[in-house]
Amino acid sequence: MLEVSTLKKIGLFAGGVLFGTAGVKVLSSKDAKKVYTNCTAAALRARDCVMKTATIMQENAEDILAEAQQINEARAAEEAAAEEDAGADAVSEETV
C-alpha cells in the first residue's frame, strides 16, 4: 500500500503539472497577448521620452561647453592684454 507522504508527493506533482499547463494556456491567451502588447507599447513610449530628454540635455551641455570656452578665451585675451600693458609700462619707466 502507498504511504501518505508518497500520495502527497504524487498529488503535488500532478497539481504542479495541472497548474503549469493552465498557466501556459493563460499566458498564451488573447487577453494576455493584449497585455503584453500594451506593456511593450508603453515601454517604447517611455524609451522615446527618455531619448528626447537625453538629446535635449546633450544639446544644453554642448551649448554650456561652447559658452564656457568663449568665456575662457575672452579671459585669456584680457590677461594677455594686461600683461602687454604691464610690460610696456615697465619698459617706459626704465627709459625715463
N, C-alpha and C. Protein backbone atom coordinates (compact mmCIF):
# COMPACT_ATOMS: atom_id res chain seq x y z
N MET A 1 0.82 -1.18 0.00
CA MET A 1 0.00 0.00 0.00
C MET A 1 0.88 1.26 0.00
N LEU A 2 0.38 2.33 -0.59
CA LEU A 2 1.14 3.57 -0.67
C LEU A 2 1.03 4.34 0.64
N GLU A 3 2.12 4.94 1.00
CA GLU A 3 2.12 5.74 2.23
C GLU A 3 1.52 7.11 1.94
N VAL A 4 1.18 7.79 3.00
CA VAL A 4 0.55 9.11 2.89
C VAL A 4 1.53 10.11 2.25
N SER A 5 2.80 10.07 2.63
CA SER A 5 3.77 11.02 2.08
C SER A 5 3.98 10.79 0.58
N THR A 6 3.94 9.54 0.14
CA THR A 6 4.07 9.24 -1.28
C THR A 6 2.86 9.76 -2.04
N LEU A 7 1.68 9.61 -1.46
CA LEU A 7 0.47 10.13 -2.10
C LEU A 7 0.50 11.66 -2.18
N LYS A 8 1.04 12.29 -1.13
CA LYS A 8 1.16 13.76 -1.14
C LYS A 8 2.09 14.21 -2.26
N LYS A 9 3.20 13.50 -2.40
CA LYS A 9 4.16 13.85 -3.44
C LYS A 9 3.55 13.68 -4.83
N ILE A 10 2.84 12.60 -5.03
CA ILE A 10 2.18 12.37 -6.32
C ILE A 10 1.12 13.44 -6.57
N GLY A 11 0.38 13.78 -5.54
CA GLY A 11 -0.64 14.82 -5.66
C GLY A 11 -0.04 16.17 -5.97
N LEU A 12 1.07 16.50 -5.30
CA LEU A 12 1.75 17.77 -5.58
C LEU A 12 2.29 17.81 -7.00
N PHE A 13 2.86 16.70 -7.45
CA PHE A 13 3.37 16.64 -8.82
C PHE A 13 2.24 16.83 -9.83
N ALA A 14 1.14 16.11 -9.63
CA ALA A 14 0.00 16.22 -10.53
C ALA A 14 -0.57 17.64 -10.51
N GLY A 15 -0.64 18.24 -9.32
CA GLY A 15 -1.13 19.62 -9.21
C GLY A 15 -0.21 20.59 -9.91
N GLY A 16 1.10 20.37 -9.79
CA GLY A 16 2.08 21.23 -10.47
C GLY A 16 1.96 21.14 -11.97
N VAL A 17 1.80 19.93 -12.47
CA VAL A 17 1.63 19.74 -13.92
C VAL A 17 0.35 20.42 -14.38
N LEU A 18 -0.73 20.24 -13.63
CA LEU A 18 -2.01 20.86 -13.98
C LEU A 18 -1.90 22.39 -13.95
N PHE A 19 -1.28 22.90 -12.88
CA PHE A 19 -1.11 24.35 -12.75
C PHE A 19 -0.22 24.90 -13.85
N GLY A 20 0.84 24.18 -14.17
CA GLY A 20 1.75 24.61 -15.24
C GLY A 20 1.05 24.63 -16.58
N THR A 21 0.26 23.62 -16.87
CA THR A 21 -0.48 23.57 -18.13
C THR A 21 -1.49 24.69 -18.20
N ALA A 22 -2.21 24.92 -17.10
CA ALA A 22 -3.18 26.02 -17.07
C ALA A 22 -2.47 27.36 -17.20
N GLY A 23 -1.32 27.48 -16.57
CA GLY A 23 -0.54 28.73 -16.66
C GLY A 23 -0.10 29.03 -18.08
N VAL A 24 0.34 28.00 -18.79
CA VAL A 24 0.74 28.19 -20.19
C VAL A 24 -0.45 28.62 -21.01
N LYS A 25 -1.60 28.04 -20.78
CA LYS A 25 -2.82 28.41 -21.50
C LYS A 25 -3.18 29.87 -21.23
N VAL A 26 -3.10 30.27 -19.95
CA VAL A 26 -3.43 31.65 -19.59
C VAL A 26 -2.43 32.62 -20.21
N LEU A 27 -1.14 32.29 -20.15
CA LEU A 27 -0.12 33.19 -20.66
C LEU A 27 -0.15 33.30 -22.19
N SER A 28 -0.70 32.32 -22.87
CA SER A 28 -0.76 32.38 -24.33
C SER A 28 -2.15 32.76 -24.84
N SER A 29 -3.00 33.24 -23.96
CA SER A 29 -4.35 33.62 -24.38
C SER A 29 -4.34 34.98 -25.09
N LYS A 30 -5.45 35.30 -25.73
CA LYS A 30 -5.56 36.57 -26.45
C LYS A 30 -5.49 37.75 -25.48
N ASP A 31 -6.12 37.61 -24.32
CA ASP A 31 -6.08 38.69 -23.33
C ASP A 31 -4.65 38.95 -22.86
N ALA A 32 -3.92 37.89 -22.62
CA ALA A 32 -2.53 38.05 -22.19
C ALA A 32 -1.72 38.70 -23.30
N LYS A 33 -1.98 38.34 -24.54
CA LYS A 33 -1.27 38.94 -25.66
C LYS A 33 -1.54 40.44 -25.73
N LYS A 34 -2.78 40.85 -25.45
CA LYS A 34 -3.11 42.28 -25.42
C LYS A 34 -2.32 42.99 -24.33
N VAL A 35 -2.22 42.35 -23.17
CA VAL A 35 -1.45 42.95 -22.07
C VAL A 35 0.01 43.09 -22.45
N TYR A 36 0.58 42.05 -23.05
CA TYR A 36 1.98 42.10 -23.48
C TYR A 36 2.18 43.22 -24.50
N THR A 37 1.24 43.33 -25.44
CA THR A 37 1.34 44.35 -26.48
C THR A 37 1.28 45.75 -25.87
N ASN A 38 0.34 45.96 -24.94
CA ASN A 38 0.22 47.27 -24.31
C ASN A 38 1.44 47.61 -23.46
N CYS A 39 1.98 46.62 -22.77
CA CYS A 39 3.19 46.86 -21.97
C CYS A 39 4.37 47.20 -22.86
N THR A 40 4.51 46.50 -23.97
CA THR A 40 5.59 46.78 -24.91
C THR A 40 5.44 48.17 -25.51
N ALA A 41 4.21 48.55 -25.86
CA ALA A 41 3.97 49.88 -26.41
C ALA A 41 4.31 50.95 -25.38
N ALA A 42 3.96 50.73 -24.12
CA ALA A 42 4.29 51.69 -23.07
C ALA A 42 5.81 51.80 -22.88
N ALA A 43 6.49 50.68 -22.96
CA ALA A 43 7.95 50.70 -22.84
C ALA A 43 8.58 51.47 -24.00
N LEU A 44 8.05 51.30 -25.21
CA LEU A 44 8.58 52.04 -26.36
C LEU A 44 8.33 53.54 -26.22
N ARG A 45 7.15 53.90 -25.71
CA ARG A 45 6.86 55.33 -25.48
C ARG A 45 7.80 55.90 -24.43
N ALA A 46 8.05 55.15 -23.38
CA ALA A 46 8.96 55.60 -22.34
C ALA A 46 10.37 55.77 -22.89
N ARG A 47 10.79 54.83 -23.74
CA ARG A 47 12.12 54.94 -24.34
C ARG A 47 12.23 56.19 -25.19
N ASP A 48 11.19 56.48 -25.99
CA ASP A 48 11.20 57.67 -26.81
C ASP A 48 11.30 58.94 -25.96
N CYS A 49 10.55 58.97 -24.88
CA CYS A 49 10.58 60.12 -23.98
C CYS A 49 11.98 60.30 -23.37
N VAL A 50 12.57 59.21 -22.94
CA VAL A 50 13.91 59.27 -22.35
C VAL A 50 14.93 59.73 -23.39
N MET A 51 14.80 59.23 -24.60
CA MET A 51 15.74 59.62 -25.65
C MET A 51 15.61 61.11 -25.99
N LYS A 52 14.38 61.64 -26.02
CA LYS A 52 14.18 63.07 -26.27
C LYS A 52 14.82 63.89 -25.17
N THR A 53 14.60 63.48 -23.93
CA THR A 53 15.18 64.20 -22.80
C THR A 53 16.70 64.14 -22.84
N ALA A 54 17.25 63.00 -23.16
CA ALA A 54 18.70 62.86 -23.24
C ALA A 54 19.27 63.74 -24.34
N THR A 55 18.58 63.82 -25.46
CA THR A 55 19.04 64.66 -26.57
C THR A 55 19.03 66.13 -26.17
N ILE A 56 17.97 66.55 -25.50
CA ILE A 56 17.88 67.95 -25.05
C ILE A 56 19.00 68.25 -24.05
N MET A 57 19.23 67.33 -23.13
CA MET A 57 20.30 67.55 -22.15
C MET A 57 21.66 67.61 -22.83
N GLN A 58 21.88 66.77 -23.83
CA GLN A 58 23.16 66.78 -24.54
C GLN A 58 23.34 68.09 -25.28
N GLU A 59 22.29 68.58 -25.94
CA GLU A 59 22.38 69.86 -26.64
C GLU A 59 22.69 70.99 -25.67
N ASN A 60 22.02 70.98 -24.50
CA ASN A 60 22.28 72.02 -23.50
C ASN A 60 23.71 71.95 -22.99
N ALA A 61 24.22 70.76 -22.79
CA ALA A 61 25.59 70.59 -22.33
C ALA A 61 26.58 71.10 -23.37
N GLU A 62 26.30 70.85 -24.64
CA GLU A 62 27.17 71.35 -25.70
C GLU A 62 27.16 72.88 -25.73
N ASP A 63 25.98 73.48 -25.55
CA ASP A 63 25.88 74.93 -25.51
C ASP A 63 26.67 75.51 -24.34
N ILE A 64 26.53 74.87 -23.18
CA ILE A 64 27.25 75.33 -21.99
C ILE A 64 28.75 75.24 -22.21
N LEU A 65 29.19 74.15 -22.80
CA LEU A 65 30.62 73.96 -23.07
C LEU A 65 31.13 75.03 -24.02
N ALA A 66 30.39 75.32 -25.08
CA ALA A 66 30.81 76.34 -26.04
C ALA A 66 30.89 77.72 -25.38
N GLU A 67 29.91 78.07 -24.57
CA GLU A 67 29.93 79.35 -23.88
C GLU A 67 31.09 79.44 -22.89
N ALA A 68 31.34 78.34 -22.18
CA ALA A 68 32.46 78.32 -21.23
C ALA A 68 33.79 78.49 -21.95
N GLN A 69 33.94 77.88 -23.11
CA GLN A 69 35.17 78.04 -23.88
C GLN A 69 35.34 79.48 -24.34
N GLN A 70 34.24 80.12 -24.76
CA GLN A 70 34.30 81.52 -25.17
C GLN A 70 34.70 82.41 -24.00
N ILE A 71 34.14 82.15 -22.83
CA ILE A 71 34.49 82.93 -21.64
C ILE A 71 35.97 82.78 -21.33
N ASN A 72 36.48 81.56 -21.38
CA ASN A 72 37.89 81.32 -21.09
C ASN A 72 38.79 81.99 -22.13
N GLU A 73 38.40 81.96 -23.39
CA GLU A 73 39.19 82.63 -24.43
C GLU A 73 39.20 84.14 -24.21
N ALA A 74 38.06 84.72 -23.83
CA ALA A 74 37.99 86.16 -23.57
C ALA A 74 38.86 86.53 -22.37
N ARG A 75 38.83 85.71 -21.31
CA ARG A 75 39.67 85.99 -20.14
C ARG A 75 41.15 85.88 -20.50
N ALA A 76 41.49 84.88 -21.29
CA ALA A 76 42.89 84.71 -21.70
C ALA A 76 43.34 85.92 -22.51
N ALA A 77 42.48 86.42 -23.39
CA ALA A 77 42.83 87.59 -24.20
C ALA A 77 42.99 88.82 -23.31
N GLU A 78 42.13 88.98 -22.32
CA GLU A 78 42.24 90.11 -21.39
C GLU A 78 43.52 90.03 -20.57
N GLU A 79 43.86 88.82 -20.11
CA GLU A 79 45.09 88.65 -19.34
C GLU A 79 46.31 88.94 -20.20
N ALA A 80 46.28 88.50 -21.44
CA ALA A 80 47.41 88.76 -22.34
C ALA A 80 47.55 90.25 -22.59
N ALA A 81 46.43 90.94 -22.77
CA ALA A 81 46.47 92.39 -22.99
C ALA A 81 46.98 93.09 -21.74
N ALA A 82 46.56 92.62 -20.57
CA ALA A 82 47.01 93.23 -19.31
C ALA A 82 48.51 93.01 -19.12
N GLU A 83 49.00 91.84 -19.49
CA GLU A 83 50.44 91.56 -19.38
C GLU A 83 51.24 92.43 -20.34
N GLU A 84 50.72 92.65 -21.54
CA GLU A 84 51.40 93.51 -22.51
C GLU A 84 51.44 94.95 -22.01
N ASP A 85 50.33 95.41 -21.42
CA ASP A 85 50.29 96.76 -20.87
C ASP A 85 51.27 96.90 -19.72
N ALA A 86 51.34 95.89 -18.86
CA ALA A 86 52.27 95.92 -17.73
C ALA A 86 53.70 95.90 -18.23
N GLY A 87 53.97 95.14 -19.26
CA GLY A 87 55.32 95.08 -19.84
C GLY A 87 55.70 96.40 -20.51
N ALA A 88 54.75 97.03 -21.19
CA ALA A 88 55.02 98.31 -21.84
C ALA A 88 55.24 99.39 -20.79
N ASP A 89 54.51 99.37 -19.68
CA ASP A 89 54.69 100.35 -18.60
C ASP A 89 56.06 100.18 -17.97
N ALA A 90 56.50 98.94 -17.78
CA ALA A 90 57.81 98.68 -17.20
C ALA A 90 58.90 99.18 -18.11
N VAL A 91 58.78 99.02 -19.39
CA VAL A 91 59.78 99.47 -20.36
C VAL A 91 59.82 101.00 -20.38
N SER A 92 58.67 101.65 -20.34
CA SER A 92 58.64 103.11 -20.39
C SER A 92 59.20 103.71 -19.11
N GLU A 93 59.04 103.06 -17.96
CA GLU A 93 59.60 103.54 -16.72
C GLU A 93 61.12 103.43 -16.73
N GLU A 94 61.64 102.37 -17.36
CA GLU A 94 63.09 102.18 -17.41
C GLU A 94 63.73 103.23 -18.30
N THR A 95 63.06 103.62 -19.33
CA THR A 95 63.64 104.61 -20.25
C THR A 95 63.57 106.02 -19.68
N VAL A 96 62.74 106.27 -18.73
CA VAL A 96 62.60 107.62 -18.17
C VAL A 96 63.65 107.88 -17.19
